[in-house]
Amino acid sequence: MMWTASIIAALVSCSALGANAQKVFAHFMAQNSFSYTQSDWASDIAAAQAVGIDGFALNVAVDNYEVDKIVDAFAAAEAASNFQLFFSFDMNYQWAQSDMVSLVSAHASSPSMFRWNNAVLVSTFNGEDRGDPFWVSFKDSLASQGIEVSFAPAFIGFRDPGRSQELVNTFTSIDGFFNWWSWPADVADDLTTDTDLAYQSAVSSKSGPYIMSVSPWQFKELGGDQDWVEQSDRLWKYRWEQAINGVKPDLVEIVTWNDYGESHYIADINPKVDLGTLAPNYVNGFEHGPWRIMAEYYISWFKNGSPPAVETDTVVFWYRAHPKSVTCSGGDRPRNSDFPADAIFAWSLLTSPATISLDVGSNHAEFDAGTGVGIGSVPFPSEDSQIPFVQIIRNSVSVKSIHGSMFITNACSYYNFNPWVGVLQ
């Protein structure tokens, strides 16, 4: 077959478009892979792919065991179909630049290494304190090995929209940007897209991607200044819709796949992961897996530009186990504890209009949900030790129903603002 210049140019163009098509990654805490084998990585990859996630952003610290575990991660990704990985260096740890360079170069040739504009994508959590010369040198060191890097860090000090041009002026090393901030900033209001739009515009002339974070929750109860909750009641719904309808970023990064300690995991709780001494108090038993159902719907919408067809009536619902005013015998009352509503939230995905009925104790609420997505809530009851009951009602007939699996109680041994997530389908 003869390959003309025009055909080759068209193929190159299509390849470039495919490489830079809108994709969704999940932030993966590699620190939690201590007990992993390659099969554990393969299980996580399969679960992520099942909902349309294209890869993991590997949050790597300086622990030596992670080097070997990442070898397994790339082996599992290469064995899967079209699943890709890139490094997100956790700069809260004291990385030696040479170790970072070695880690990237060790895997740069893998077919599962994600590239942007034919350059290896590298991101971070934090790291602006290292200064621009550090990052210039990092990229130069890899370039000397023939490895071009597209650098899109999450410099978390840059959240104020008014500082977006300062970022670009200060850091000549950056090619793109990852906005880590996917929760409101210690306020009870919903998160706006002001930060996204400002930094997206600031890097629009660069060669790298604008990466928008999307997260379902934020709660941490690890003592001292590590106790907080952010307003997240309806976050998982509206943040996705901001990405789809407003920001339209190059990449979405879900924060996170498996950061159990900050309560924004969407993976099933893996019993192999050592949660430490405090996180089990608010993680164990609080499954988030049904949030992946919502992710699957929004990922398809994000990638394809229109909502996918709904084939099964589904309600995903979530709620905390304790009213926010209770006094617990362990832990400390978290910062912003007044922000979350004492309520059960329900997200509907319907094939045709119906009424979603929500009952808990003596409280009843319902909302008329159309085809596609809807959301509603019912307040916590005055009675203690109650469990929600969720129904889909059409033509005055309950067509599907389910009880929750977590009681709402005033008995509280440890402050816990982490929700339990259930599904009716």
Protein backbone atom coordinates (compact mmCIF):
# COMPACT_ATOMS: atom_id res chain seq x y z
CA MET A 1 0.00 0.00 0.00
CA MET A 2 1.35 3.46 -0.90
CA TRP A 3 1.39 6.03 1.90
CA THR A 4 1.02 9.54 0.53
CA ALA A 5 2.16 12.60 2.43
CA SER A 6 -1.45 13.70 2.87
CA ILE A 7 -2.49 10.37 4.36
CA ILE A 8 0.46 10.37 6.74
CA ALA A 9 -0.32 13.94 7.81
CA ALA A 10 -3.95 13.00 8.43
CA LEU A 11 -2.94 10.00 10.51
CA VAL A 12 -0.53 12.09 12.58
CA SER A 13 -3.25 14.68 13.09
CA CYS A 14 -5.77 12.05 14.20
CA SER A 15 -3.19 10.47 16.49
CA ALA A 16 -2.48 13.81 18.13
CA LEU A 17 -6.18 14.45 18.60
CA GLY A 18 -6.64 11.01 20.11
CA ALA A 19 -3.74 11.49 22.49
CA ASN A 20 -5.19 14.77 23.70
CA ALA A 21 -8.84 13.76 23.77
CA GLN A 22 -10.66 14.55 27.00
CA LYS A 23 -9.75 11.89 29.52
CA VAL A 24 -10.47 11.16 33.16
CA PHE A 25 -7.87 10.03 35.67
CA ALA A 26 -8.18 9.16 39.35
CA HIS A 27 -5.63 10.30 41.92
CA PHE A 28 -4.19 7.10 43.40
CA MET A 29 -2.28 7.11 46.71
CA ALA A 30 0.66 4.85 45.95
CA GLN A 31 1.52 4.99 49.66
CA ASN A 32 -1.45 2.64 50.16
CA SER A 33 0.07 -0.07 47.96
CA PHE A 34 2.48 -1.49 50.58
CA SER A 35 0.72 -4.87 50.67
CA TYR A 36 -0.24 -4.90 46.99
CA THR A 37 0.65 -7.55 44.47
CA GLN A 38 0.27 -7.05 40.74
CA SER A 39 -3.16 -8.67 40.96
CA ASP A 40 -4.31 -5.98 43.40
CA TRP A 41 -3.31 -3.32 40.92
CA ALA A 42 -5.14 -5.24 38.21
CA SER A 43 -8.30 -5.34 40.34
CA ASP A 44 -8.22 -1.59 40.91
CA ILE A 45 -7.57 -0.97 37.23
CA ALA A 46 -10.50 -3.18 36.23
CA ALA A 47 -12.83 -1.39 38.65
CA ALA A 48 -11.71 2.00 37.35
CA GLN A 49 -12.03 1.01 33.70
CA ALA A 50 -15.52 -0.34 34.33
CA VAL A 51 -16.76 3.23 34.90
CA GLY A 52 -14.71 4.88 32.16
CA ILE A 53 -11.64 6.04 34.09
CA ASP A 54 -8.67 6.15 31.71
CA GLY A 55 -5.84 5.88 34.21
CA PHE A 56 -4.33 6.69 37.58
CA ALA A 57 -2.29 9.71 38.61
CA LEU A 58 0.15 8.01 40.97
CA ASN A 59 0.67 10.11 44.10
CA VAL A 60 4.17 8.99 45.06
CA ALA A 61 6.08 9.74 48.24
CA VAL A 62 9.69 8.84 48.99
CA ASP A 63 9.07 5.43 50.54
CA ASN A 64 11.40 2.88 48.99
CA TYR A 65 8.70 0.20 48.75
CA GLU A 66 6.77 2.36 46.31
CA VAL A 67 9.47 1.93 43.66
CA ASP A 68 8.79 -1.82 43.49
CA LYS A 69 5.03 -1.41 43.74
CA ILE A 70 5.03 1.01 40.82
CA VAL A 71 6.76 -1.65 38.71
CA ASP A 72 3.75 -3.85 39.43
CA ALA A 73 1.39 -0.96 38.62
CA PHE A 74 2.89 -0.48 35.17
CA ALA A 75 2.90 -4.23 34.53
CA ALA A 76 -0.80 -4.40 35.41
CA ALA A 77 -1.59 -1.33 33.29
CA GLU A 78 0.28 -2.76 30.32
CA ALA A 79 -1.68 -6.01 30.66
CA ALA A 80 -4.94 -4.08 30.61
CA SER A 81 -6.33 -2.41 27.52
CA ASN A 82 -5.66 1.33 27.14
CA PHE A 83 -5.07 2.13 30.81
CA GLN A 84 -2.42 4.75 31.49
CA LEU A 85 -0.44 6.12 34.40
CA PHE A 86 1.48 9.27 35.21
CA PHE A 87 3.37 10.49 38.25
CA SER A 88 2.06 13.05 40.69
CA PHE A 89 4.98 13.71 43.02
CA ASP A 90 3.88 14.42 46.58
CA MET A 91 6.18 17.30 47.40
CA ASN A 92 5.21 17.35 51.06
CA TYR A 93 7.97 14.75 51.24
CA GLN A 94 11.65 15.63 50.84
CA TRP A 95 12.27 14.36 47.35
CA ALA A 96 15.76 14.37 45.92
CA GLN A 97 15.51 15.59 42.35
CA SER A 98 17.72 12.74 41.14
CA ASP A 99 15.27 10.18 42.56
CA MET A 100 12.38 11.87 40.76
CA VAL A 101 14.28 11.86 37.51
CA SER A 102 15.17 8.18 37.95
CA LEU A 103 11.56 7.21 38.61
CA VAL A 104 10.26 8.97 35.50
CA SER A 105 13.04 7.68 33.28
CA ALA A 106 12.52 4.10 34.50
CA HIS A 107 8.97 4.07 33.12
CA ALA A 108 9.00 6.71 30.38
CA SER A 109 9.13 4.10 27.61
CA SER A 110 6.17 2.11 28.93
CA PRO A 111 3.20 2.06 26.55
CA SER A 112 1.09 2.77 29.64
CA MET A 113 2.92 6.02 30.46
CA PHE A 114 0.49 8.82 29.66
CA ARG A 115 1.74 11.47 27.29
CA TRP A 116 0.40 14.89 26.40
CA ASN A 117 1.49 16.29 23.05
CA ASN A 118 3.95 13.39 22.87
CA ALA A 119 5.57 14.46 26.15
CA VAL A 120 5.47 12.46 29.40
CA LEU A 121 2.94 14.12 31.69
CA VAL A 122 4.26 14.86 35.19
CA SER A 123 2.21 16.45 37.95
CA THR A 124 2.60 17.15 41.66
CA PHE A 125 0.86 17.77 44.90
CA ASN A 126 2.44 20.99 46.16
CA GLY A 127 6.04 21.90 45.29
CA GLU A 128 6.03 25.62 44.55
CA ASP A 129 8.37 26.07 47.51
CA ARG A 130 11.12 24.34 45.49
CA GLY A 131 11.19 27.31 43.13
CA ASP A 132 11.30 27.50 39.37
CA PRO A 133 15.02 26.58 39.00
CA PHE A 134 14.34 23.20 40.65
CA TRP A 135 11.66 22.35 38.10
CA VAL A 136 13.64 23.70 35.16
CA SER A 137 16.52 21.48 36.21
CA PHE A 138 14.20 18.49 36.66
CA LYS A 139 12.89 18.84 33.11
CA ASP A 140 16.36 19.49 31.69
CA SER A 141 17.74 16.37 33.34
CA LEU A 142 15.08 14.25 31.68
CA ALA A 143 15.49 16.09 28.37
CA SER A 144 19.17 15.14 28.41
CA GLN A 145 18.00 11.52 28.38
CA GLY A 146 15.70 12.20 25.44
CA ILE A 147 12.56 12.38 27.64
CA GLU A 148 10.40 15.42 27.05
CA VAL A 149 8.14 16.31 29.96
CA SER A 150 4.82 18.13 29.99
CA PHE A 151 4.77 19.59 33.51
CA ALA A 152 1.32 20.33 34.99
CA PRO A 153 1.75 20.67 38.76
CA ALA A 154 -0.76 21.26 41.54
CA PHE A 155 0.92 24.18 43.28
CA ILE A 156 -1.68 24.40 46.00
CA GLY A 157 -0.69 27.90 47.12
CA PHE A 158 -2.19 29.15 43.87
CA ARG A 159 -5.91 29.11 44.54
CA ASP A 160 -6.78 32.79 44.39
CA PRO A 161 -7.96 33.56 40.83
CA GLY A 162 -6.12 36.87 41.07
CA ARG A 163 -2.77 35.05 41.25
CA SER A 164 -3.13 33.09 38.01
CA GLN A 165 -0.87 35.32 35.96
CA GLU A 166 1.66 35.35 38.81
CA LEU A 167 1.88 31.57 38.49
CA VAL A 168 2.79 31.78 34.82
CA ASN A 169 5.20 34.68 35.32
CA THR A 170 6.99 33.01 38.25
CA PHE A 171 7.25 29.47 36.92
CA THR A 172 8.62 29.34 33.40
CA SER A 173 8.91 25.56 33.89
CA ILE A 174 5.19 24.84 33.81
CA ASP A 175 3.42 23.65 30.68
CA GLY A 176 -0.02 23.24 32.24
CA PHE A 177 -1.70 23.28 35.63
CA PHE A 178 -3.63 20.98 37.94
CA ASN A 179 -6.13 22.79 40.17
CA TRP A 180 -6.22 20.61 43.28
CA TRP A 181 -8.98 22.62 44.93
CA SER A 182 -12.23 20.74 44.45
CA TRP A 183 -13.98 21.77 47.68
CA PRO A 184 -15.16 25.10 49.08
CA ALA A 185 -12.53 26.99 51.08
CA ASP A 186 -13.83 26.88 54.67
CA VAL A 187 -17.18 28.38 53.70
CA ALA A 188 -20.68 26.94 53.69
CA ASP A 189 -21.29 28.03 50.09
CA ASP A 190 -20.92 25.88 46.99
CA LEU A 191 -17.60 25.94 45.16
CA THR A 192 -17.45 28.23 42.15
CA THR A 193 -15.40 27.77 39.00
CA ASP A 194 -13.57 31.09 39.41
CA THR A 195 -10.25 29.41 40.19
CA ASP A 196 -10.65 26.91 37.35
CA LEU A 197 -11.41 29.52 34.72
CA ALA A 198 -8.64 31.89 35.81
CA TYR A 199 -5.86 29.27 35.76
CA GLN A 200 -7.23 27.57 32.66
CA SER A 201 -6.96 30.90 30.87
CA ALA A 202 -3.50 31.59 32.30
CA VAL A 203 -2.02 28.38 30.83
CA SER A 204 -4.07 28.40 27.63
CA SER A 205 -1.07 29.53 25.58
CA LYS A 206 1.10 26.75 27.02
CA SER A 207 1.57 23.30 25.52
CA GLY A 208 0.33 21.34 28.54
CA PRO A 209 -3.13 20.44 29.81
CA TYR A 210 -5.42 22.21 32.22
CA ILE A 211 -6.43 19.54 34.75
CA MET A 212 -9.56 20.09 36.81
CA SER A 213 -10.11 18.18 40.02
CA VAL A 214 -13.51 16.69 40.82
CA SER A 215 -14.14 15.24 44.27
CA PRO A 216 -17.09 13.81 46.20
CA TRP A 217 -16.19 14.83 49.78
CA GLN A 218 -13.61 16.22 52.19
CA PHE A 219 -13.33 15.16 55.83
CA LYS A 220 -10.31 14.35 57.93
CA GLU A 221 -10.03 13.48 61.63
CA LEU A 222 -6.39 12.69 62.33
CA GLY A 223 -5.75 14.97 65.29
CA GLY A 224 -4.34 18.44 65.89
CA ASP A 225 -4.67 20.63 62.82
CA GLN A 226 -5.76 17.57 60.78
CA ASP A 227 -9.42 17.74 61.82
CA TRP A 228 -11.77 19.38 59.32
CA VAL A 229 -14.77 18.97 57.06
CA GLU A 230 -15.67 20.99 53.98
CA GLN A 231 -19.17 21.59 52.62
CA SER A 232 -19.64 18.58 50.38
CA ASP A 233 -23.32 17.64 50.62
CA ARG A 234 -24.07 17.92 46.87
CA LEU A 235 -20.50 18.37 45.66
CA TRP A 236 -20.17 15.15 43.65
CA LYS A 237 -23.09 16.18 41.46
CA TYR A 238 -22.49 19.86 40.86
CA ARG A 239 -18.70 19.66 40.51
CA TRP A 240 -19.03 17.17 37.65
CA GLU A 241 -21.61 19.38 36.02
CA GLN A 242 -19.27 22.38 36.36
CA ALA A 243 -16.61 20.39 34.50
CA ILE A 244 -19.01 19.32 31.77
CA ASN A 245 -21.03 22.49 31.22
CA GLY A 246 -18.68 25.26 32.25
CA VAL A 247 -14.95 24.64 32.47
CA LYS A 248 -14.56 21.86 29.90
CA PRO A 249 -10.99 21.06 31.01
CA ASP A 250 -8.48 19.05 29.02
CA LEU A 251 -8.38 16.40 31.75
CA VAL A 252 -10.47 15.66 34.82
CA GLU A 253 -8.69 14.17 37.83
CA ILE A 254 -10.89 12.54 40.43
CA VAL A 255 -9.66 13.28 43.93
CA THR A 256 -9.38 10.48 44.87
CA TRP A 257 -9.46 6.78 44.14
CA ASN A 258 -8.16 5.65 47.53
CA ASP A 259 -7.26 8.44 49.95
CA TYR A 260 -9.28 6.97 52.78
CA GLY A 261 -7.96 9.38 55.40
CA GLU A 262 -9.58 12.38 53.68
CA SER A 263 -12.88 10.55 53.00
CA HIS A 264 -12.90 11.27 49.26
CA TYR A 265 -12.22 7.70 48.11
CA ILE A 266 -14.47 6.19 45.46
CA ALA A 267 -12.78 2.78 45.50
CA ASP A 268 -14.12 0.00 47.65
CA ILE A 269 -12.32 -0.13 51.00
CA ASN A 270 -9.39 -2.50 50.52
CA PRO A 271 -8.71 -4.59 53.66
CA LYS A 272 -5.06 -4.91 52.62
CA VAL A 273 -4.47 -1.18 53.17
CA ASP A 274 -3.08 -0.13 56.55
CA LEU A 275 -5.25 2.81 57.58
CA GLY A 276 -3.16 3.62 60.65
CA THR A 277 -4.60 4.03 64.13
CA LEU A 278 -7.14 6.86 63.70
CA ALA A 279 -8.61 6.69 60.18
CA PRO A 280 -10.30 3.29 60.81
CA ASN A 281 -12.57 5.08 63.31
CA TYR A 282 -14.31 6.90 60.48
CA VAL A 283 -13.52 4.79 57.40
CA ASN A 284 -14.32 1.19 58.27
CA GLY A 285 -17.85 0.34 57.23
CA PHE A 286 -18.37 3.58 55.32
CA GLU A 287 -18.43 2.32 51.76
CA HIS A 288 -18.33 4.79 48.86
CA GLY A 289 -18.45 2.38 45.92
CA PRO A 290 -21.89 3.53 44.65
CA TRP A 291 -20.41 6.95 43.94
CA ARG A 292 -18.72 5.24 40.97
CA ILE A 293 -22.17 4.83 39.42
CA MET A 294 -22.49 8.60 39.35
CA ALA A 295 -18.94 8.87 38.03
CA GLU A 296 -19.71 6.51 35.15
CA TYR A 297 -22.65 8.65 34.03
CA TYR A 298 -20.74 11.93 34.22
CA ILE A 299 -17.55 10.53 32.66
CA SER A 300 -19.52 9.41 29.62
CA TRP A 301 -21.17 12.82 29.40
CA PHE A 302 -17.82 14.61 29.75
CA LYS A 303 -16.17 12.55 27.03
CA ASN A 304 -19.01 12.44 24.54
CA GLY A 305 -20.53 15.88 24.97
CA SER A 306 -24.04 14.67 25.76
CA PRO A 307 -25.68 12.70 28.59
CA PRO A 308 -25.70 8.94 28.00
CA ALA A 309 -28.95 7.05 27.59
CA VAL A 310 -30.37 5.79 30.88
CA GLU A 311 -31.15 2.09 30.81
CA THR A 312 -31.87 1.34 34.48
CA ASP A 313 -33.63 3.32 37.21
CA THR A 314 -31.06 4.07 39.90
CA VAL A 315 -30.89 6.14 43.08
CA VAL A 316 -27.54 6.72 44.78
CA PHE A 317 -27.94 8.07 48.32
CA TRP A 318 -25.54 9.14 51.03
CA TYR A 319 -25.67 10.30 54.63
CA ARG A 320 -23.60 10.62 57.78
CA ALA A 321 -24.15 8.35 60.76
CA HIS A 322 -24.45 11.10 63.38
CA PRO A 323 -26.05 14.53 63.67
CA LYS A 324 -23.44 17.28 63.54
CA SER A 325 -24.27 18.59 67.02
CA VAL A 326 -23.54 15.38 68.93
CA THR A 327 -20.59 15.24 71.29
CA CYS A 328 -18.35 12.26 70.65
CA SER A 329 -16.19 10.51 73.20
CA GLY A 330 -13.17 10.35 70.88
CA GLY A 331 -11.42 12.73 68.51
CA ASP A 332 -12.04 16.47 68.24
CA ARG A 333 -14.93 18.38 66.75
CA PRO A 334 -13.68 19.17 63.23
CA ARG A 335 -13.33 22.62 61.79
CA ASN A 336 -16.45 23.67 59.85
CA SER A 337 -18.62 21.10 61.62
CA ASP A 338 -21.66 23.39 61.30
CA PHE A 339 -21.52 23.39 57.48
CA PRO A 340 -22.95 19.99 56.45
CA ALA A 341 -26.71 19.56 56.56
CA ASP A 342 -28.13 16.84 58.79
CA ALA A 343 -29.83 15.14 55.88
CA ILE A 344 -29.95 12.14 53.59
CA PHE A 345 -29.19 13.09 49.98
CA ALA A 346 -30.47 11.12 47.00
CA TRP A 347 -29.33 11.40 43.37
CA SER A 348 -31.71 9.88 40.87
CA LEU A 349 -31.00 8.57 37.38
CA LEU A 350 -34.25 7.56 35.75
CA THR A 351 -35.48 6.09 32.49
CA SER A 352 -38.71 8.11 32.81
CA PRO A 353 -40.18 10.56 35.33
CA ALA A 354 -40.99 9.30 38.82
CA THR A 355 -41.27 10.44 42.42
CA ILE A 356 -38.35 9.72 44.72
CA SER A 357 -39.63 9.10 48.24
CA LEU A 358 -37.31 9.45 51.24
CA ASP A 359 -38.28 8.39 54.76
CA VAL A 360 -36.31 8.28 57.99
CA GLY A 361 -37.97 8.05 61.38
CA SER A 362 -40.96 10.40 61.35
CA ASN A 363 -39.50 12.54 58.55
CA HIS A 364 -40.75 12.19 54.99
CA ALA A 365 -39.74 14.04 51.83
CA GLU A 366 -40.18 13.44 48.14
CA PHE A 367 -39.19 15.07 44.90
CA ASP A 368 -40.42 14.75 41.35
CA ALA A 369 -37.52 13.51 39.25
CA GLY A 370 -37.52 13.69 35.49
CA THR A 371 -35.77 11.48 32.98
CA GLY A 372 -32.05 11.66 33.63
CA VAL A 373 -30.62 13.25 36.76
CA GLY A 374 -32.35 14.69 39.82
CA ILE A 375 -31.44 15.31 43.45
CA GLY A 376 -33.30 15.76 46.73
CA SER A 377 -32.95 15.25 50.47
CA VAL A 378 -34.76 14.57 53.72
CA PRO A 379 -33.62 15.94 57.12
CA PHE A 380 -32.41 13.68 59.91
CA PRO A 381 -35.23 12.68 62.28
CA SER A 382 -35.64 13.73 65.89
CA GLU A 383 -35.77 10.07 66.91
CA ASP A 384 -32.53 8.25 67.67
CA SER A 385 -31.24 5.14 65.88
CA GLN A 386 -33.14 5.42 62.60
CA ILE A 387 -32.39 4.11 59.12
CA PRO A 388 -33.47 5.62 55.76
CA PHE A 389 -35.97 4.10 53.38
CA VAL A 390 -35.75 5.07 49.68
CA GLN A 391 -38.39 4.40 47.01
CA ILE A 392 -39.00 5.06 43.33
CA ILE A 393 -42.72 5.63 42.82
CA ARG A 394 -44.55 5.69 39.46
CA ASN A 395 -48.29 6.00 39.06
CA SER A 396 -48.64 5.74 42.86
CA VAL A 397 -46.87 2.37 42.85
CA SER A 398 -43.50 1.73 44.52
CA VAL A 399 -41.47 0.11 41.75
CA LYS A 400 -38.19 -0.14 43.66
CA SER A 401 -37.23 0.36 47.30
CA ILE A 402 -34.35 -0.16 49.72
CA HIS A 403 -33.30 0.55 53.28
CA GLY A 404 -29.92 2.02 54.09
CA SER A 405 -27.33 -0.09 55.88
CA MET A 406 -26.13 2.46 58.42
CA PHE A 407 -28.21 3.71 61.34
CA ILE A 408 -28.28 7.40 62.19
CA THR A 409 -27.52 7.58 65.90
CA ASN A 410 -26.61 9.98 68.67
CA ALA A 411 -24.13 7.47 70.07
CA CYS A 412 -20.75 8.64 68.84
CA SER A 413 -17.42 7.16 69.91
CA TYR A 414 -15.36 9.21 67.42
CA TYR A 415 -16.18 12.35 65.42
CA ASN A 416 -17.20 11.16 61.97
CA PHE A 417 -18.40 13.33 59.10
CA ASN A 418 -17.65 10.64 56.50
CA PRO A 419 -20.81 9.49 54.71
CA TRP A 420 -22.05 6.02 54.00
CA VAL A 421 -23.12 5.62 50.35
CA GLY A 422 -25.84 3.27 49.16
CA VAL A 423 -27.63 2.48 45.91
CA LEU A 424 -31.11 1.47 44.83
CA GLN A 425 -31.13 -0.14 41.38
